[in-house]
């Protein structure tokens, strides 16, 4: 993972949490998500860790079912931890359905914990990208804009999440590449002034925008939906995922190794 994303204290806490959770389950990957991955962390941003774990095959076949997901939210040395892990099988189903949350765990840039098995899965997931991702990114961006309008005044964070989600989706549809860092997308997609929002958010997790500024930016970020929709229309991604049989073969091979 790139240096400078986390402070030394944050990195130490993250590594401690990862080591602790690895004692409870075998991870395929743990991704750093949230504001740190999206390019606008503030000093009080939490450490948002999104993981994929692999249950032992014997456990899946026996009477005692494995854990399809695990969550951990707590404060460690003054740093808020938000850890979530999902078992491999439902994750792969979600990826084939276009779930950007799961896709970003495999193809994201900030992966503080990886395994050799992930290297074999990455090209399969990239090949399986399809126009189905449009629904995921449109839905999440819409929910964040609605959340902004329920705040009074609204926060920079919610508007940045609208932009980040819509532009990540648009970029995936146009290029087949997953880029979660908003700073890498705003110039290419016509939102250079969004640095104003990024600067505001980096001052604090709950920074609220003055009414006039919030209204202006609510109108501006609405353009991102048009960018996303145009990318969907022009996308060269297939309508349906490709290589599902190869993903299943990879999964079965991993299950056999753990039997």
C-alpha atoms as a PDB file:
ATOM      1  CA  UNK A   1       0.000   0.000   0.000  1.00  0.00           C
ATOM      2  CA  UNK A   2       1.214   3.526  -0.812  1.00  0.00           C
ATOM      3  CA  UNK A   3       3.090   5.396   1.914  1.00  0.00           C
ATOM      4  CA  UNK A   4       1.612   8.612   3.267  1.00  0.00           C
ATOM      5  CA  UNK A   5      -2.021   7.500   3.107  1.00  0.00           C
ATOM      6  CA  UNK A   6      -2.063   6.803   6.849  1.00  0.00           C
ATOM      7  CA  UNK A   7      -0.191   8.310   9.774  1.00  0.00           C
ATOM      8  CA  UNK A   8       2.251   6.008  11.590  1.00  0.00           C
ATOM      9  CA  UNK A   9      -0.263   5.622  14.437  1.00  0.00           C
ATOM     10  CA  UNK A  10      -3.111   4.791  12.044  1.00  0.00           C
ATOM     11  CA  UNK A  11      -0.954   2.262  10.213  1.00  0.00           C
ATOM     12  CA  UNK A  12       0.082   0.598  13.479  1.00  0.00           C
ATOM     13  CA  UNK A  13      -3.547   0.336  14.636  1.00  0.00           C
ATOM     14  CA  UNK A  14      -4.634  -1.013  11.256  1.00  0.00           C
ATOM     15  CA  UNK A  15      -1.924  -3.684  11.284  1.00  0.00           C
ATOM     16  CA  UNK A  16      -2.907  -4.658  14.820  1.00  0.00           C
ATOM     17  CA  UNK A  17      -6.580  -5.029  13.838  1.00  0.00           C
ATOM     18  CA  UNK A  18      -5.697  -7.025  10.717  1.00  0.00           C
ATOM     19  CA  UNK A  19      -3.497  -9.408  12.717  1.00  0.00           C
ATOM     20  CA  UNK A  20      -6.261  -9.852  15.278  1.00  0.00           C
ATOM     21  CA  UNK A  21      -8.964 -10.565  12.676  1.00  0.00           C
ATOM     22  CA  UNK A  22      -6.674 -12.909  10.756  1.00  0.00           C
ATOM     23  CA  UNK A  23      -6.606 -15.099  13.851  1.00  0.00           C
ATOM     24  CA  UNK A  24     -10.389 -15.492  13.538  1.00  0.00           C
ATOM     25  CA  UNK A  25     -10.696 -16.104   9.785  1.00  0.00           C
ATOM     26  CA  UNK A  26      -8.558 -16.659   6.705  1.00  0.00           C
ATOM     27  CA  UNK A  27      -8.668 -13.563   4.526  1.00  0.00           C
ATOM     28  CA  UNK A  28      -8.208 -13.405   0.792  1.00  0.00           C
ATOM     29  CA  UNK A  29      -7.821  -9.626   0.865  1.00  0.00           C
ATOM     30  CA  UNK A  30      -8.404  -6.661   3.153  1.00  0.00           C
ATOM     31  CA  UNK A  31      -8.936  -3.313   1.437  1.00  0.00           C
ATOM     32  CA  UNK A  32      -8.722   0.170   2.904  1.00  0.00           C
ATOM     33  CA  UNK A  33     -11.927   1.890   1.838  1.00  0.00           C
ATOM     34  CA  UNK A  34     -13.810   5.058   2.781  1.00  0.00           C
ATOM     35  CA  UNK A  35     -12.313   8.541   2.790  1.00  0.00           C
ATOM     36  CA  UNK A  36      -8.707   7.307   2.787  1.00  0.00           C
ATOM     37  CA  UNK A  37      -9.273   5.400  -0.464  1.00  0.00           C
ATOM     38  CA  UNK A  38     -11.432   8.143  -1.980  1.00  0.00           C
ATOM     39  CA  UNK A  39      -8.836  10.912  -1.547  1.00  0.00           C
ATOM     40  CA  UNK A  40     -10.446  13.082   1.120  1.00  0.00           C
ATOM     41  CA  UNK A  41      -9.575  11.777   4.603  1.00  0.00           C
ATOM     42  CA  UNK A  42      -9.737  14.117   7.576  1.00  0.00           C
ATOM     43  CA  UNK A  43      -7.863  13.750  10.874  1.00  0.00           C
ATOM     44  CA  UNK A  44     -10.973  12.180  12.452  1.00  0.00           C
ATOM     45  CA  UNK A  45     -11.809   9.801   9.579  1.00  0.00           C
ATOM     46  CA  UNK A  46     -12.282   6.193  10.625  1.00  0.00           C
ATOM     47  CA  UNK A  47     -10.273   3.285   9.279  1.00  0.00           C
ATOM     48  CA  UNK A  48     -12.740   1.583   6.949  1.00  0.00           C
ATOM     49  CA  UNK A  49     -11.500  -1.968   6.320  1.00  0.00           C
ATOM     50  CA  UNK A  50     -13.452  -4.112   3.840  1.00  0.00           C
ATOM     51  CA  UNK A  51     -12.386  -7.749   3.616  1.00  0.00           C
ATOM     52  CA  UNK A  52     -13.110 -11.051   1.882  1.00  0.00           C
ATOM     53  CA  UNK A  53     -12.551 -14.241   3.875  1.00  0.00           C
ATOM     54  CA  UNK A  54     -12.584 -17.936   2.977  1.00  0.00           C
ATOM     55  CA  UNK A  55     -14.309 -20.398   5.279  1.00  0.00           C
ATOM     56  CA  UNK A  56     -12.791 -23.888   5.617  1.00  0.00           C
ATOM     57  CA  UNK A  57     -14.472 -26.227   3.129  1.00  0.00           C
ATOM     58  CA  UNK A  58     -15.197 -28.791   5.855  1.00  0.00           C
ATOM     59  CA  UNK A  59     -17.164 -26.138   7.704  1.00  0.00           C
ATOM     60  CA  UNK A  60     -19.211 -25.348   4.612  1.00  0.00           C
ATOM     61  CA  UNK A  61     -20.064 -29.033   4.119  1.00  0.00           C
ATOM     62  CA  UNK A  62     -20.796 -29.886   7.739  1.00  0.00           C
ATOM     63  CA  UNK A  63     -23.619 -29.088  10.135  1.00  0.00           C
ATOM     64  CA  UNK A  64     -22.019 -25.978  11.575  1.00  0.00           C
ATOM     65  CA  UNK A  65     -22.325 -23.325   8.895  1.00  0.00           C
ATOM     66  CA  UNK A  66     -19.577 -20.795   8.485  1.00  0.00           C
ATOM     67  CA  UNK A  67     -19.913 -17.077   9.093  1.00  0.00           C
ATOM     68  CA  UNK A  68     -21.111 -15.312   5.917  1.00  0.00           C
ATOM     69  CA  UNK A  69     -20.007 -11.978   7.344  1.00  0.00           C
ATOM     70  CA  UNK A  70     -18.166 -10.431  10.279  1.00  0.00           C
ATOM     71  CA  UNK A  71     -18.277  -6.883  11.620  1.00  0.00           C
ATOM     72  CA  UNK A  72     -16.215  -4.944  14.111  1.00  0.00           C
ATOM     73  CA  UNK A  73     -16.730  -1.338  15.164  1.00  0.00           C
ATOM     74  CA  UNK A  74     -14.715   0.078  18.036  1.00  0.00           C
ATOM     75  CA  UNK A  75     -12.237   2.740  19.061  1.00  0.00           C
ATOM     76  CA  UNK A  76      -8.615   1.581  19.220  1.00  0.00           C
ATOM     77  CA  UNK A  77      -6.109   4.074  20.604  1.00  0.00           C
ATOM     78  CA  UNK A  78      -8.443   6.914  19.693  1.00  0.00           C
ATOM     79  CA  UNK A  79      -8.972   5.689  16.116  1.00  0.00           C
ATOM     80  CA  UNK A  80     -12.390   4.500  14.994  1.00  0.00           C
ATOM     81  CA  UNK A  81     -12.287   1.091  13.330  1.00  0.00           C
ATOM     82  CA  UNK A  82     -15.007  -0.048  10.922  1.00  0.00           C
ATOM     83  CA  UNK A  83     -14.167  -3.589   9.770  1.00  0.00           C
ATOM     84  CA  UNK A  84     -16.426  -5.763   7.628  1.00  0.00           C
ATOM     85  CA  UNK A  85     -15.639  -9.104   6.023  1.00  0.00           C
ATOM     86  CA  UNK A  86     -17.774 -11.241   3.704  1.00  0.00           C
ATOM     87  CA  UNK A  87     -17.282 -14.878   2.757  1.00  0.00           C
ATOM     88  CA  UNK A  88     -15.918 -15.584  -0.690  1.00  0.00           C
ATOM     89  CA  UNK A  89     -18.912 -17.287  -2.320  1.00  0.00           C
ATOM     90  CA  UNK A  90     -21.484 -14.482  -1.867  1.00  0.00           C
ATOM     91  CA  UNK A  91     -18.802 -11.978  -2.801  1.00  0.00           C
ATOM     92  CA  UNK A  92     -18.209 -13.691  -6.140  1.00  0.00           C
ATOM     93  CA  UNK A  93     -21.959 -13.833  -6.763  1.00  0.00           C
ATOM     94  CA  UNK A  94     -22.111 -10.101  -6.010  1.00  0.00           C
ATOM     95  CA  UNK A  95     -19.223  -9.345  -8.351  1.00  0.00           C
ATOM     96  CA  UNK A  96     -21.012 -11.127 -11.195  1.00  0.00           C
ATOM     97  CA  UNK A  97     -24.093  -9.023 -10.444  1.00  0.00           C
ATOM     98  CA  UNK A  98     -22.046  -5.809 -10.659  1.00  0.00           C
ATOM     99  CA  UNK A  99     -21.642  -5.044  -6.956  1.00  0.00           C
ATOM    100  CA  UNK A 100     -19.042  -2.284  -6.940  1.00  0.00           C
ATOM    101  CA  UNK A 101     -18.443  -2.653  -3.221  1.00  0.00           C
ATOM    102  CA  UNK A 102     -17.101  -6.175  -3.740  1.00  0.00           C
ATOM    103  CA  UNK A 103     -15.359  -5.363  -7.022  1.00  0.00           C
ATOM    104  CA  UNK A 104     -13.398  -2.572  -5.340  1.00  0.00           C
ATOM    105  CA  UNK A 105     -12.174  -4.987  -2.667  1.00  0.00           C
ATOM    106  CA  UNK A 106     -10.492  -7.074  -5.373  1.00  0.00           C
ATOM    107  CA  UNK A 107      -9.423  -4.382  -7.855  1.00  0.00           C
ATOM    108  CA  UNK A 108      -8.909  -1.401  -5.532  1.00  0.00           C
ATOM    109  CA  UNK A 109      -5.585   0.414  -5.130  1.00  0.00           C
ATOM    110  CA  UNK A 110      -5.227   0.354  -1.328  1.00  0.00           C
ATOM    111  CA  UNK A 111      -4.886  -3.269  -0.233  1.00  0.00           C
ATOM    112  CA  UNK A 112      -2.954  -3.508   3.053  1.00  0.00           C
ATOM    113  CA  UNK A 113      -3.441  -7.305   3.205  1.00  0.00           C
ATOM    114  CA  UNK A 114      -3.309  -9.568   0.156  1.00  0.00           C
ATOM    115  CA  UNK A 115      -2.607 -13.220  -0.602  1.00  0.00           C
ATOM    116  CA  UNK A 116      -1.120 -15.022  -3.614  1.00  0.00           C
ATOM    117  CA  UNK A 117      -4.587 -16.368  -4.442  1.00  0.00           C
ATOM    118  CA  UNK A 118      -5.802 -12.826  -5.085  1.00  0.00           C
ATOM    119  CA  UNK A 119      -3.359 -12.445  -7.978  1.00  0.00           C
ATOM    120  CA  UNK A 120      -5.093 -15.282  -9.814  1.00  0.00           C
ATOM    121  CA  UNK A 121      -8.573 -13.892  -9.083  1.00  0.00           C
ATOM    122  CA  UNK A 122      -7.949 -10.302 -10.190  1.00  0.00           C
ATOM    123  CA  UNK A 123      -7.848 -10.907 -13.958  1.00  0.00           C
ATOM    124  CA  UNK A 124     -10.966 -13.081 -13.706  1.00  0.00           C
ATOM    125  CA  UNK A 125     -12.869 -10.302 -11.917  1.00  0.00           C
ATOM    126  CA  UNK A 126     -11.647  -7.711 -14.390  1.00  0.00           C
ATOM    127  CA  UNK A 127     -12.844  -9.870 -17.276  1.00  0.00           C
ATOM    128  CA  UNK A 128     -16.236 -10.249 -15.549  1.00  0.00           C
ATOM    129  CA  UNK A 129     -16.862  -6.501 -15.375  1.00  0.00           C
ATOM    130  CA  UNK A 130     -20.072  -5.670 -17.188  1.00  0.00           C
ATOM    131  CA  UNK A 131     -22.561  -2.873 -17.615  1.00  0.00           C
ATOM    132  CA  UNK A 132     -24.316  -4.266 -14.537  1.00  0.00           C
ATOM    133  CA  UNK A 133     -22.058  -2.003 -12.449  1.00  0.00           C
ATOM    134  CA  UNK A 134     -24.184   0.928 -13.606  1.00  0.00           C
ATOM    135  CA  UNK A 135     -27.052  -0.027 -11.301  1.00  0.00           C
ATOM    136  CA  UNK A 136     -24.784  -0.262  -8.272  1.00  0.00           C
ATOM    137  CA  UNK A 137     -23.059   3.094  -8.730  1.00  0.00           C
ATOM    138  CA  UNK A 138     -26.258   4.897  -9.748  1.00  0.00           C
ATOM    139  CA  UNK A 139     -28.114   3.547  -6.716  1.00  0.00           C
ATOM    140  CA  UNK A 140     -25.412   4.464  -4.227  1.00  0.00           C
ATOM    141  CA  UNK A 141     -24.891   7.954  -5.665  1.00  0.00           C
ATOM    142  CA  UNK A 142     -28.656   8.560  -5.552  1.00  0.00           C
ATOM    143  CA  UNK A 143     -28.896   7.478  -1.914  1.00  0.00           C
ATOM    144  CA  UNK A 144     -26.024   9.790  -0.936  1.00  0.00           C
ATOM    145  CA  UNK A 145     -27.631  12.778  -2.661  1.00  0.00           C
ATOM    146  CA  UNK A 146     -30.905  12.071  -0.849  1.00  0.00           C
ATOM    147  CA  UNK A 147     -28.983  11.878   2.434  1.00  0.00           C
ATOM    148  CA  UNK A 148     -27.399  15.255   1.702  1.00  0.00           C
ATOM    149  CA  UNK A 149     -30.809  16.838   1.190  1.00  0.00           C
ATOM    150  CA  UNK A 150     -32.039  15.485   4.544  1.00  0.00           C
ATOM    151  CA  UNK A 151     -29.223  17.308   6.335  1.00  0.00           C
ATOM    152  CA  UNK A 152     -29.690  20.954   7.233  1.00  0.00           C
ATOM    153  CA  UNK A 153     -27.180  22.276   6.405  1.00  0.00           C
ATOM    154  CA  UNK A 154     -25.652  19.521   4.283  1.00  0.00           C
ATOM    155  CA  UNK A 155     -22.141  18.139   4.613  1.00  0.00           C
ATOM    156  CA  UNK A 156     -19.244  18.176   2.190  1.00  0.00           C
ATOM    157  CA  UNK A 157     -18.825  14.450   2.837  1.00  0.00           C
ATOM    158  CA  UNK A 158     -22.191  13.473   1.364  1.00  0.00           C
ATOM    159  CA  UNK A 159     -21.634  15.491  -1.813  1.00  0.00           C
ATOM    160  CA  UNK A 160     -18.149  14.031  -2.220  1.00  0.00           C
ATOM    161  CA  UNK A 161     -19.602  10.538  -1.896  1.00  0.00           C
ATOM    162  CA  UNK A 162     -22.059  11.362  -4.690  1.00  0.00           C
ATOM    163  CA  UNK A 163     -19.220  12.533  -6.921  1.00  0.00           C
ATOM    164  CA  UNK A 164     -16.869   9.705  -6.002  1.00  0.00           C
ATOM    165  CA  UNK A 165     -19.461   7.019  -6.630  1.00  0.00           C
ATOM    166  CA  UNK A 166     -20.789   8.444  -9.896  1.00  0.00           C
ATOM    167  CA  UNK A 167     -17.342   9.112 -11.361  1.00  0.00           C
ATOM    168  CA  UNK A 168     -15.881   5.780 -10.282  1.00  0.00           C
ATOM    169  CA  UNK A 169     -18.833   4.109 -11.984  1.00  0.00           C
ATOM    170  CA  UNK A 170     -18.490   6.229 -15.109  1.00  0.00           C
ATOM    171  CA  UNK A 171     -14.781   5.473 -15.352  1.00  0.00           C
ATOM    172  CA  UNK A 172     -15.373   1.745 -14.922  1.00  0.00           C
ATOM    173  CA  UNK A 173     -17.990   1.777 -17.674  1.00  0.00           C
ATOM    174  CA  UNK A 174     -15.782   3.718 -20.081  1.00  0.00           C
ATOM    175  CA  UNK A 175     -12.419   2.076 -19.418  1.00  0.00           C
ATOM    176  CA  UNK A 176     -12.973  -1.158 -17.475  1.00  0.00           C
ATOM    177  CA  UNK A 177     -10.682   0.247 -14.750  1.00  0.00           C
ATOM    178  CA  UNK A 178     -11.588   0.800 -11.096  1.00  0.00           C
ATOM    179  CA  UNK A 179     -10.389   4.158  -9.749  1.00  0.00           C
ATOM    180  CA  UNK A 180     -11.762   5.074  -6.333  1.00  0.00           C
ATOM    181  CA  UNK A 181      -9.635   8.174  -5.626  1.00  0.00           C
ATOM    182  CA  UNK A 182     -11.789  11.152  -6.590  1.00  0.00           C
ATOM    183  CA  UNK A 183      -8.730  13.364  -7.100  1.00  0.00           C
ATOM    184  CA  UNK A 184      -7.746  11.206 -10.075  1.00  0.00           C
ATOM    185  CA  UNK A 185     -11.143  11.665 -11.747  1.00  0.00           C
ATOM    186  CA  UNK A 186     -12.370  15.217 -11.246  1.00  0.00           C
ATOM    187  CA  UNK A 187     -10.319  16.856 -14.005  1.00  0.00           C
ATOM    188  CA  UNK A 188     -11.019  14.181 -16.591  1.00  0.00           C
ATOM    189  CA  UNK A 189     -14.772  14.305 -15.985  1.00  0.00           C
ATOM    190  CA  UNK A 190     -15.194  18.075 -15.688  1.00  0.00           C
ATOM    191  CA  UNK A 191     -15.295  18.727 -11.947  1.00  0.00           C
ATOM    192  CA  UNK A 192     -11.974  20.467 -11.136  1.00  0.00           C
ATOM    193  CA  UNK A 193     -13.698  22.877  -8.743  1.00  0.00           C
ATOM    194  CA  UNK A 194     -14.535  19.909  -6.489  1.00  0.00           C
ATOM    195  CA  UNK A 195     -11.181  20.540  -4.809  1.00  0.00           C
ATOM    196  CA  UNK A 196     -13.139  23.110  -2.804  1.00  0.00           C
ATOM    197  CA  UNK A 197     -15.241  20.284  -1.353  1.00  0.00           C
ATOM    198  CA  UNK A 198     -12.199  18.064  -0.835  1.00  0.00           C
ATOM    199  CA  UNK A 199     -10.412  20.825   1.100  1.00  0.00           C
ATOM    200  CA  UNK A 200     -13.511  21.383   3.244  1.00  0.00           C
ATOM    201  CA  UNK A 201     -13.893  17.676   4.001  1.00  0.00           C
ATOM    202  CA  UNK A 202     -10.209  17.216   4.859  1.00  0.00           C
ATOM    203  CA  UNK A 203     -10.692  19.742   7.671  1.00  0.00           C
ATOM    204  CA  UNK A 204     -13.135  17.440   9.479  1.00  0.00           C
ATOM    205  CA  UNK A 205     -15.398  14.448   8.995  1.00  0.00           C
ATOM    206  CA  UNK A 206     -18.586  16.377   9.775  1.00  0.00           C
ATOM    207  CA  UNK A 207     -17.832  19.744   8.188  1.00  0.00           C
ATOM    208  CA  UNK A 208     -21.101  21.357   7.106  1.00  0.00           C
ATOM    209  CA  UNK A 209     -21.415  23.643   4.112  1.00  0.00           C
ATOM    210  CA  UNK A 210     -23.020  27.092   4.313  1.00  0.00           C
ATOM    211  CA  UNK A 211     -26.488  27.016   2.802  1.00  0.00           C
ATOM    212  CA  UNK A 212     -25.630  28.862  -0.417  1.00  0.00           C
ATOM    213  CA  UNK A 213     -22.505  26.772  -1.000  1.00  0.00           C
ATOM    214  CA  UNK A 214     -24.403  23.557  -0.364  1.00  0.00           C
ATOM    215  CA  UNK A 215     -27.167  24.510  -2.779  1.00  0.00           C
ATOM    216  CA  UNK A 216     -24.674  25.446  -5.480  1.00  0.00           C
ATOM    217  CA  UNK A 217     -22.787  22.193  -5.111  1.00  0.00           C
ATOM    218  CA  UNK A 218     -25.947  20.080  -4.954  1.00  0.00           C
ATOM    219  CA  UNK A 219     -26.712  21.411  -8.410  1.00  0.00           C
ATOM    220  CA  UNK A 220     -23.160  20.822  -9.600  1.00  0.00           C
ATOM    221  CA  UNK A 221     -22.944  17.210  -8.442  1.00  0.00           C
ATOM    222  CA  UNK A 222     -26.228  16.473 -10.187  1.00  0.00           C
ATOM    223  CA  UNK A 223     -24.223  16.721 -13.421  1.00  0.00           C
ATOM    224  CA  UNK A 224     -22.333  13.621 -12.311  1.00  0.00           C
ATOM    225  CA  UNK A 225     -25.467  11.557 -12.903  1.00  0.00           C
ATOM    226  CA  UNK A 226     -25.474  12.645 -16.530  1.00  0.00           C
ATOM    227  CA  UNK A 227     -21.795  11.692 -16.794  1.00  0.00           C
ATOM    228  CA  UNK A 228     -22.615   8.259 -15.376  1.00  0.00           C
ATOM    229  CA  UNK A 229     -25.592   7.746 -17.668  1.00  0.00           C
ATOM    230  CA  UNK A 230     -23.628   8.803 -20.777  1.00  0.00           C
ATOM    231  CA  UNK A 231     -20.820   6.419 -19.798  1.00  0.00           C
ATOM    232  CA  UNK A 232     -23.387   3.630 -19.541  1.00  0.00           C
ATOM    233  CA  UNK A 233     -24.733   4.371 -23.016  1.00  0.00           C
ATOM    234  CA  UNK A 234     -21.238   4.532 -24.526  1.00  0.00           C
ATOM    235  CA  UNK A 235     -19.738   1.666 -22.513  1.00  0.00           C
ATOM    236  CA  UNK A 236     -17.731  -0.998 -24.299  1.00  0.00           C
ATOM    237  CA  UNK A 237     -18.226  -3.387 -21.389  1.00  0.00           C
ATOM    238  CA  UNK A 238     -20.434  -6.391 -22.162  1.00  0.00           C
ATOM    239  CA  UNK A 239     -24.046  -6.280 -21.022  1.00  0.00           C
ATOM    240  CA  UNK A 240     -23.533  -9.466 -18.995  1.00  0.00           C
ATOM    241  CA  UNK A 241     -20.420 -10.728 -17.179  1.00  0.00           C
ATOM    242  CA  UNK A 242     -18.017 -12.970 -19.029  1.00  0.00           C
ATOM    243  CA  UNK A 243     -15.918 -15.810 -17.678  1.00  0.00           C
ATOM    244  CA  UNK A 244     -18.310 -17.009 -14.979  1.00  0.00           C
ATOM    245  CA  UNK A 245     -17.170 -20.606 -15.544  1.00  0.00           C
ATOM    246  CA  UNK A 246     -13.549 -19.591 -14.951  1.00  0.00           C
ATOM    247  CA  UNK A 247     -14.478 -17.874 -11.687  1.00  0.00           C
ATOM    248  CA  UNK A 248     -16.344 -20.969 -10.566  1.00  0.00           C
ATOM    249  CA  UNK A 249     -13.380 -23.194 -11.478  1.00  0.00           C
ATOM    250  CA  UNK A 250     -11.072 -20.925  -9.460  1.00  0.00           C
ATOM    251  CA  UNK A 251     -13.467 -21.075  -6.493  1.00  0.00           C
ATOM    252  CA  UNK A 252     -13.735 -24.869  -6.613  1.00  0.00           C
ATOM    253  CA  UNK A 253      -9.942 -25.192  -6.741  1.00  0.00           C
ATOM    254  CA  UNK A 254      -9.635 -22.968  -3.660  1.00  0.00           C
ATOM    255  CA  UNK A 255     -12.298 -24.988  -1.828  1.00  0.00           C
ATOM    256  CA  UNK A 256     -10.500 -28.264  -2.604  1.00  0.00           C
ATOM    257  CA  UNK A 257      -7.244 -26.855  -1.241  1.00  0.00           C
ATOM    258  CA  UNK A 258      -9.004 -26.192   2.067  1.00  0.00           C
ATOM    259  CA  UNK A 259     -10.745 -29.559   2.449  1.00  0.00           C
END
